[in-house]
Amino acid sequence: MSLEENFNKAVEDVKNLEKTPKDDELLEIYALYKQATVGDCDTSKPGMFDFKGKAKWEAWNSKKGTSKEQAQEGYVAKVKALIEAYGLKQ
């Protein structure tokens, strides 16, 4: 399978994990997904009282400069690790 196909499969697989990953794991896959699909963070930083939005923005912004291919590879690897840790629904 191509990297694009592996990435798309990982996007579907992550929706079918047995358990919800930890917050830091969710932020990591969010950031890698956004970097792979949008590129560098292109939004302004949320306000100080938007804790969730700020955490997501910071996670995505931390991937700045990562290529689409690198982000896709990182996403696929992270999802494989999550599947090993949490399992997939049958």
N, C-alpha and C. Protein backbone atom coordinates (compact mmCIF):
# COMPACT_ATOMS: atom_id res chain seq x y z
N MET A 1 0.84 -1.19 0.00
CA MET A 1 0.00 0.00 0.00
C MET A 1 0.88 1.25 0.00
N SER A 2 0.37 2.27 -0.61
CA SER A 2 1.10 3.54 -0.64
C SER A 2 0.96 4.24 0.72
N LEU A 3 1.78 5.24 0.92
CA LEU A 3 1.72 6.01 2.17
C LEU A 3 0.34 6.64 2.33
N GLU A 4 -0.19 7.18 1.24
CA GLU A 4 -1.52 7.80 1.27
C GLU A 4 -2.59 6.80 1.69
N GLU A 5 -2.52 5.58 1.16
CA GLU A 5 -3.49 4.53 1.51
C GLU A 5 -3.33 4.11 2.96
N ASN A 6 -2.09 3.95 3.42
CA ASN A 6 -1.84 3.61 4.83
C ASN A 6 -2.37 4.71 5.75
N PHE A 7 -2.16 5.96 5.36
CA PHE A 7 -2.64 7.09 6.15
C PHE A 7 -4.16 7.07 6.25
N ASN A 8 -4.83 6.89 5.11
CA ASN A 8 -6.30 6.86 5.10
C ASN A 8 -6.85 5.70 5.92
N LYS A 9 -6.17 4.55 5.88
CA LYS A 9 -6.59 3.40 6.69
C LYS A 9 -6.41 3.71 8.17
N ALA A 10 -5.31 4.37 8.52
CA ALA A 10 -5.05 4.73 9.92
C ALA A 10 -6.10 5.71 10.42
N VAL A 11 -6.52 6.63 9.55
CA VAL A 11 -7.57 7.61 9.92
C VAL A 11 -8.86 6.86 10.29
N GLU A 12 -9.19 5.83 9.52
CA GLU A 12 -10.38 5.03 9.83
C GLU A 12 -10.17 4.16 11.06
N ASP A 13 -9.00 3.55 11.17
CA ASP A 13 -8.71 2.66 12.32
C ASP A 13 -8.80 3.39 13.65
N VAL A 14 -8.32 4.63 13.69
CA VAL A 14 -8.28 5.36 14.97
C VAL A 14 -9.70 5.60 15.50
N LYS A 15 -10.68 5.61 14.62
CA LYS A 15 -12.08 5.80 15.04
C LYS A 15 -12.66 4.55 15.68
N ASN A 16 -11.96 3.42 15.54
CA ASN A 16 -12.48 2.14 16.02
C ASN A 16 -11.63 1.52 17.13
N LEU A 17 -10.93 2.35 17.87
CA LEU A 17 -10.14 1.83 18.99
C LEU A 17 -11.09 1.35 20.10
N GLU A 18 -10.69 0.30 20.80
CA GLU A 18 -11.50 -0.25 21.89
C GLU A 18 -11.69 0.78 23.01
N LYS A 19 -10.63 1.49 23.34
CA LYS A 19 -10.68 2.49 24.41
C LYS A 19 -10.21 3.83 23.88
N THR A 20 -10.63 4.89 24.54
CA THR A 20 -10.19 6.23 24.17
C THR A 20 -8.76 6.46 24.65
N PRO A 21 -7.86 6.88 23.76
CA PRO A 21 -6.48 7.15 24.18
C PRO A 21 -6.41 8.31 25.18
N LYS A 22 -5.27 8.44 25.82
CA LYS A 22 -5.03 9.53 26.77
C LYS A 22 -5.00 10.86 26.02
N ASP A 23 -5.21 11.94 26.76
CA ASP A 23 -5.26 13.27 26.15
C ASP A 23 -4.01 13.61 25.35
N ASP A 24 -2.82 13.27 25.89
CA ASP A 24 -1.59 13.60 25.17
C ASP A 24 -1.48 12.80 23.87
N GLU A 25 -2.00 11.58 23.86
CA GLU A 25 -2.00 10.77 22.65
C GLU A 25 -2.97 11.34 21.62
N LEU A 26 -4.14 11.78 22.09
CA LEU A 26 -5.11 12.40 21.20
C LEU A 26 -4.56 13.68 20.58
N LEU A 27 -3.87 14.48 21.38
CA LEU A 27 -3.27 15.71 20.86
C LEU A 27 -2.21 15.40 19.80
N GLU A 28 -1.44 14.34 20.02
CA GLU A 28 -0.40 13.96 19.07
C GLU A 28 -1.00 13.55 17.73
N ILE A 29 -2.05 12.71 17.76
CA ILE A 29 -2.63 12.29 16.48
C ILE A 29 -3.38 13.44 15.82
N TYR A 30 -3.97 14.32 16.62
CA TYR A 30 -4.62 15.52 16.06
C TYR A 30 -3.59 16.37 15.33
N ALA A 31 -2.47 16.64 15.98
CA ALA A 31 -1.44 17.50 15.40
C ALA A 31 -0.87 16.89 14.12
N LEU A 32 -0.60 15.59 14.14
CA LEU A 32 -0.06 14.92 12.95
C LEU A 32 -1.09 14.92 11.82
N TYR A 33 -2.35 14.71 12.16
CA TYR A 33 -3.41 14.72 11.14
C TYR A 33 -3.52 16.10 10.49
N LYS A 34 -3.57 17.13 11.32
CA LYS A 34 -3.68 18.50 10.78
C LYS A 34 -2.47 18.85 9.93
N GLN A 35 -1.28 18.47 10.38
CA GLN A 35 -0.07 18.77 9.63
C GLN A 35 -0.08 18.03 8.29
N ALA A 36 -0.57 16.79 8.29
CA ALA A 36 -0.61 15.98 7.06
C ALA A 36 -1.66 16.47 6.08
N THR A 37 -2.76 17.01 6.59
CA THR A 37 -3.87 17.39 5.71
C THR A 37 -3.92 18.88 5.38
N VAL A 38 -3.46 19.73 6.29
CA VAL A 38 -3.52 21.18 6.09
C VAL A 38 -2.14 21.78 5.87
N GLY A 39 -1.15 21.26 6.60
CA GLY A 39 0.19 21.84 6.57
C GLY A 39 0.42 22.62 7.84
N ASP A 40 1.35 23.57 7.79
CA ASP A 40 1.66 24.37 8.98
C ASP A 40 0.42 25.08 9.51
N CYS A 41 0.36 25.23 10.82
CA CYS A 41 -0.76 25.88 11.50
C CYS A 41 -1.00 27.26 10.89
N ASP A 42 -2.24 27.48 10.48
CA ASP A 42 -2.58 28.72 9.79
C ASP A 42 -3.65 29.54 10.50
N THR A 43 -3.86 29.25 11.77
CA THR A 43 -4.86 29.98 12.55
C THR A 43 -4.17 30.72 13.69
N SER A 44 -4.84 31.73 14.20
CA SER A 44 -4.25 32.46 15.32
C SER A 44 -4.48 31.68 16.61
N LYS A 45 -3.61 31.91 17.57
CA LYS A 45 -3.67 31.19 18.84
C LYS A 45 -4.95 31.56 19.59
N PRO A 46 -5.69 30.55 20.08
CA PRO A 46 -6.91 30.83 20.84
C PRO A 46 -6.62 31.59 22.13
N GLY A 47 -7.64 32.20 22.68
CA GLY A 47 -7.51 32.97 23.91
C GLY A 47 -7.14 32.10 25.09
N MET A 48 -6.69 32.75 26.16
CA MET A 48 -6.18 32.02 27.31
C MET A 48 -7.23 31.20 28.06
N PHE A 49 -8.51 31.48 27.85
CA PHE A 49 -9.55 30.72 28.55
C PHE A 49 -10.09 29.58 27.71
N ASP A 50 -9.63 29.45 26.47
CA ASP A 50 -10.00 28.33 25.62
C ASP A 50 -8.91 27.27 25.77
N PHE A 51 -8.97 26.54 26.87
CA PHE A 51 -7.91 25.59 27.21
C PHE A 51 -7.77 24.48 26.18
N LYS A 52 -8.88 23.91 25.76
CA LYS A 52 -8.84 22.81 24.78
C LYS A 52 -8.32 23.32 23.44
N GLY A 53 -8.86 24.45 22.98
CA GLY A 53 -8.42 25.02 21.71
C GLY A 53 -6.95 25.39 21.73
N LYS A 54 -6.51 25.93 22.86
CA LYS A 54 -5.11 26.32 23.00
C LYS A 54 -4.19 25.09 22.96
N ALA A 55 -4.59 24.02 23.64
CA ALA A 55 -3.79 22.79 23.65
C ALA A 55 -3.70 22.20 22.25
N LYS A 56 -4.82 22.20 21.53
CA LYS A 56 -4.81 21.68 20.16
C LYS A 56 -3.95 22.55 19.26
N TRP A 57 -4.07 23.87 19.40
CA TRP A 57 -3.27 24.79 18.58
C TRP A 57 -1.78 24.59 18.85
N GLU A 58 -1.41 24.48 20.12
CA GLU A 58 0.00 24.31 20.47
C GLU A 58 0.54 22.98 19.95
N ALA A 59 -0.27 21.92 20.03
CA ALA A 59 0.17 20.62 19.53
C ALA A 59 0.41 20.69 18.02
N TRP A 60 -0.54 21.29 17.29
CA TRP A 60 -0.40 21.40 15.84
C TRP A 60 0.78 22.31 15.49
N ASN A 61 0.89 23.43 16.16
CA ASN A 61 1.96 24.39 15.86
C ASN A 61 3.34 23.78 16.14
N SER A 62 3.41 22.81 17.05
CA SER A 62 4.69 22.17 17.36
C SER A 62 5.19 21.33 16.19
N LYS A 63 4.34 21.04 15.24
CA LYS A 63 4.71 20.25 14.06
C LYS A 63 5.14 21.13 12.88
N LYS A 64 5.19 22.43 13.11
CA LYS A 64 5.54 23.38 12.04
C LYS A 64 6.82 22.95 11.33
N GLY A 65 6.78 22.96 10.00
CA GLY A 65 7.95 22.58 9.21
C GLY A 65 8.02 21.11 8.86
N THR A 66 7.15 20.30 9.47
CA THR A 66 7.11 18.87 9.16
C THR A 66 6.43 18.70 7.80
N SER A 67 7.02 17.90 6.93
CA SER A 67 6.43 17.69 5.61
C SER A 67 5.17 16.85 5.71
N LYS A 68 4.34 16.92 4.66
CA LYS A 68 3.12 16.12 4.62
C LYS A 68 3.45 14.65 4.77
N GLU A 69 4.48 14.18 4.07
CA GLU A 69 4.86 12.77 4.12
C GLU A 69 5.35 12.37 5.51
N GLN A 70 6.16 13.22 6.14
CA GLN A 70 6.64 12.92 7.49
C GLN A 70 5.48 12.86 8.47
N ALA A 71 4.53 13.78 8.33
CA ALA A 71 3.36 13.80 9.22
C ALA A 71 2.51 12.55 9.01
N GLN A 72 2.33 12.14 7.75
CA GLN A 72 1.56 10.93 7.47
C GLN A 72 2.25 9.71 8.06
N GLU A 73 3.57 9.62 7.88
CA GLU A 73 4.32 8.49 8.45
C GLU A 73 4.20 8.47 9.97
N GLY A 74 4.33 9.64 10.60
CA GLY A 74 4.19 9.73 12.05
C GLY A 74 2.81 9.34 12.53
N TYR A 75 1.80 9.75 11.77
CA TYR A 75 0.41 9.44 12.12
C TYR A 75 0.18 7.93 12.05
N VAL A 76 0.63 7.31 10.95
CA VAL A 76 0.46 5.87 10.77
C VAL A 76 1.16 5.11 11.90
N ALA A 77 2.38 5.52 12.23
CA ALA A 77 3.14 4.86 13.30
C ALA A 77 2.43 5.03 14.65
N LYS A 78 1.94 6.23 14.93
CA LYS A 78 1.25 6.49 16.20
C LYS A 78 -0.03 5.67 16.31
N VAL A 79 -0.79 5.59 15.22
CA VAL A 79 -2.03 4.82 15.25
C VAL A 79 -1.73 3.33 15.44
N LYS A 80 -0.67 2.82 14.82
CA LYS A 80 -0.28 1.42 15.04
C LYS A 80 0.03 1.17 16.51
N ALA A 81 0.74 2.11 17.13
CA ALA A 81 1.06 1.98 18.56
C ALA A 81 -0.22 2.02 19.40
N LEU A 82 -1.17 2.87 19.03
CA LEU A 82 -2.43 2.95 19.77
C LEU A 82 -3.23 1.67 19.62
N ILE A 83 -3.21 1.09 18.42
CA ILE A 83 -3.93 -0.17 18.20
C ILE A 83 -3.32 -1.27 19.08
N GLU A 84 -2.00 -1.31 19.16
CA GLU A 84 -1.33 -2.29 20.02
C GLU A 84 -1.69 -2.07 21.49
N ALA A 85 -1.80 -0.82 21.88
CA ALA A 85 -2.07 -0.51 23.29
C ALA A 85 -3.55 -0.70 23.65
N TYR A 86 -4.45 -0.33 22.74
CA TYR A 86 -5.88 -0.29 23.07
C TYR A 86 -6.72 -1.31 22.32
N GLY A 87 -6.23 -1.84 21.21
CA GLY A 87 -6.99 -2.81 20.41
C GLY A 87 -8.04 -2.13 19.54
N LEU A 88 -8.52 -2.88 18.56
CA LEU A 88 -9.56 -2.40 17.65
C LEU A 88 -10.87 -3.11 17.94
N LYS A 89 -11.99 -2.40 17.78
CA LYS A 89 -13.30 -3.02 17.91
C LYS A 89 -13.48 -4.00 16.76
N GLN A 90 -14.11 -5.10 17.07
CA GLN A 90 -14.35 -6.12 16.02
C GLN A 90 -15.61 -5.84 15.26
